[in-house]
Protein backbone atom coordinates (compact mmCIF):
# COMPACT_ATOMS: atom_id res chain seq x y z
CA MET A 1 192.73 3.61 257.16
CA ASN A 2 194.27 5.51 260.09
CA ARG A 3 196.02 7.87 257.68
CA LEU A 4 192.74 8.60 255.90
CA ILE A 5 191.00 9.44 259.18
CA LEU A 6 193.96 11.59 260.27
CA PHE A 7 193.95 13.41 256.90
CA ILE A 8 190.19 14.09 257.21
CA LEU A 9 190.58 15.39 260.78
CA ILE A 10 193.46 17.69 259.83
CA GLY A 11 191.50 18.96 256.82
CA PHE A 12 188.48 19.60 259.01
CA ALA A 13 190.60 21.45 261.59
CA PHE A 14 191.98 23.83 258.96
CA THR A 15 188.61 24.52 257.38
CA THR A 16 186.98 25.40 260.70
CA CYS A 17 189.65 27.93 261.73
CA LYS A 18 188.10 31.34 262.21
CA LYS A 19 189.00 33.77 259.45
CA ASP A 20 190.65 37.00 260.59
CA GLU A 21 187.77 39.38 259.86
CA ARG A 22 188.91 42.72 258.46
CA ASP A 23 185.79 43.84 256.63
CA PRO A 24 184.10 46.78 258.35
CA VAL A 25 181.00 46.13 260.41
CA ALA A 26 178.14 47.19 258.09
CA GLU A 27 176.85 50.00 260.33
CA LEU A 28 180.40 51.34 260.73
CA ALA A 29 181.61 51.09 257.13
CA ALA A 30 180.80 54.73 256.37
CA ILE A 31 182.93 56.10 259.23
CA THR A 32 185.83 53.64 258.95
CA GLY A 33 189.02 55.55 258.22
CA THR A 34 191.15 58.42 259.47
CA TRP A 35 189.59 61.76 260.43
CA LYS A 36 191.15 65.17 261.06
CA PRO A 37 189.38 67.76 263.27
CA ILE A 38 188.63 71.11 261.67
CA ALA A 39 186.34 72.86 264.20
CA ARG A 40 185.10 72.56 267.78
CA THR A 41 181.86 73.89 269.22
CA SER A 42 181.53 74.51 272.95
CA SER A 43 178.44 73.91 275.06
CA ASP A 44 177.51 77.59 274.63
CA PHE A 45 177.60 77.18 270.81
CA VAL A 46 180.85 79.03 270.18
CA THR A 47 182.67 77.45 267.22
CA THR A 48 186.43 77.77 266.86
CA PRO A 49 188.61 76.37 264.09
CA VAL A 50 191.21 73.75 265.03
CA THR A 51 194.60 75.30 264.29
CA ASN A 52 196.73 72.22 265.08
CA PRO A 53 194.75 69.10 264.18
CA GLU A 54 197.63 66.59 264.37
CA PRO A 55 197.30 65.63 268.06
CA ASP A 56 193.55 65.01 267.68
CA VAL A 57 193.48 62.93 264.49
CA ILE A 58 191.36 59.83 265.07
CA GLU A 59 190.78 56.61 263.23
CA PHE A 60 187.70 54.44 263.35
CA ARG A 61 188.98 50.93 262.78
CA TYR A 62 187.01 48.31 260.78
CA ASP A 63 185.45 46.99 264.02
CA GLY A 64 184.50 50.46 265.33
CA VAL A 65 187.36 50.82 267.79
CA MET A 66 188.55 54.42 267.94
CA LEU A 67 192.33 54.93 267.73
CA ASN A 68 194.55 57.99 267.96
CA LYS A 69 197.22 58.94 265.41
CA ASN A 70 199.72 56.62 267.15
CA GLY A 71 197.44 53.58 266.88
CA PHE A 72 196.41 53.52 270.56
CA ARG A 73 192.93 53.78 272.06
CA PRO A 74 192.63 57.36 273.32
CA CYS A 75 192.06 58.00 277.02
CA CYS A 76 188.45 57.77 278.24
CA THR A 77 186.88 56.70 274.95
CA PRO A 78 183.66 54.73 275.30
CA LEU A 79 183.22 51.20 273.99
CA SER A 80 179.66 51.97 272.95
CA TYR A 81 178.28 54.92 271.05
CA THR A 82 175.60 56.02 268.65
CA VAL A 83 176.50 56.16 264.95
CA ASN A 84 173.99 57.97 262.74
CA GLY A 85 171.22 57.19 265.23
CA ILE A 86 172.13 53.50 265.68
CA TYR A 87 173.41 52.40 269.08
CA MET A 88 176.60 50.36 268.70
CA ASN A 89 178.27 48.23 271.35
CA ILE A 90 181.84 48.11 270.06
CA LYS A 91 183.46 44.67 270.28
CA PRO A 92 187.17 44.77 269.41
CA GLN A 93 188.06 42.05 266.90
CA ALA A 94 191.78 42.64 267.36
CA PRO A 95 193.87 43.95 270.27
CA ALA A 96 193.89 47.70 270.80
CA GLU A 97 196.18 49.01 273.51
CA LEU A 98 195.26 51.98 275.66
CA ASP A 99 197.56 54.96 275.11
CA PRO A 100 200.37 54.88 277.71
CA VAL A 101 199.77 58.55 278.57
CA CYS A 102 196.38 57.53 279.99
CA ALA A 103 198.13 56.31 283.15
CA THR A 104 198.48 59.96 284.23
CA ALA A 105 195.26 61.28 282.66
CA SER A 106 192.26 62.31 284.72
CA CYS A 107 189.12 62.50 282.66
CA LEU A 108 185.45 61.60 282.49
CA SER A 109 184.21 59.20 279.86
CA CYS A 110 181.38 60.40 277.68
CA GLN A 111 178.18 58.60 278.64
CA ASN A 112 176.40 59.43 275.37
CA PHE A 113 179.04 59.65 272.64
CA GLN A 114 177.44 60.30 269.25
CA VAL A 115 178.83 60.27 265.72
CA MET A 116 176.78 61.86 262.94
CA GLN A 117 177.80 61.85 259.31
CA ASP A 118 176.23 64.39 256.94
CA ASN A 119 178.29 63.39 253.91
CA PRO A 120 180.94 60.73 253.17
CA ASP A 121 183.88 63.04 253.91
CA GLU A 122 182.63 64.84 257.04
CA LEU A 123 181.42 63.77 260.45
CA ILE A 124 180.63 65.40 263.78
CA THR A 125 181.15 63.88 267.21
CA TYR A 126 179.05 64.98 270.20
CA CYS A 127 179.96 64.50 273.84
CA ASN A 128 178.83 66.26 277.02
CA GLY A 129 177.55 69.33 275.18
CA PHE A 130 180.65 69.74 273.00
CA SER A 131 181.05 68.80 269.36
CA THR A 132 183.95 68.39 266.95
CA ARG A 133 183.70 68.47 263.17
CA PHE A 134 186.08 66.15 261.29
CA VAL A 135 187.04 65.69 257.64
CA ARG A 136 188.22 62.42 256.17
CA GLU A 137 191.94 62.18 255.48
CA LYS A 138 192.63 60.88 252.00
């Protein structure tokens, strides 16, 4: 009888373990992936093409966490932002380390970071009067 109760308890313990969730949050599914910048627009509406996009490649992870090309959270990125008009409070579902270079960085976080997606392979980020246009990396 004790073995039966022990077997049931062990079975229950394994069935109640939380699954490691890797499916994108529904509101973030469209922007999940890696994005390369192609143009920047300044606060006075001057648009310039990005000639060296590699340092500024970003990835929106399945849980909405923004990462740089090295897999770290970039310096001064907000943990809440607006995606296609929907306010999102980003809750990391897995660890995401801050980029080590941030220890020496001096920057202001964007209070109203916005991501707008016109089509599946392009998005624009807005922050403090500046915008950056990205294309999806395939």
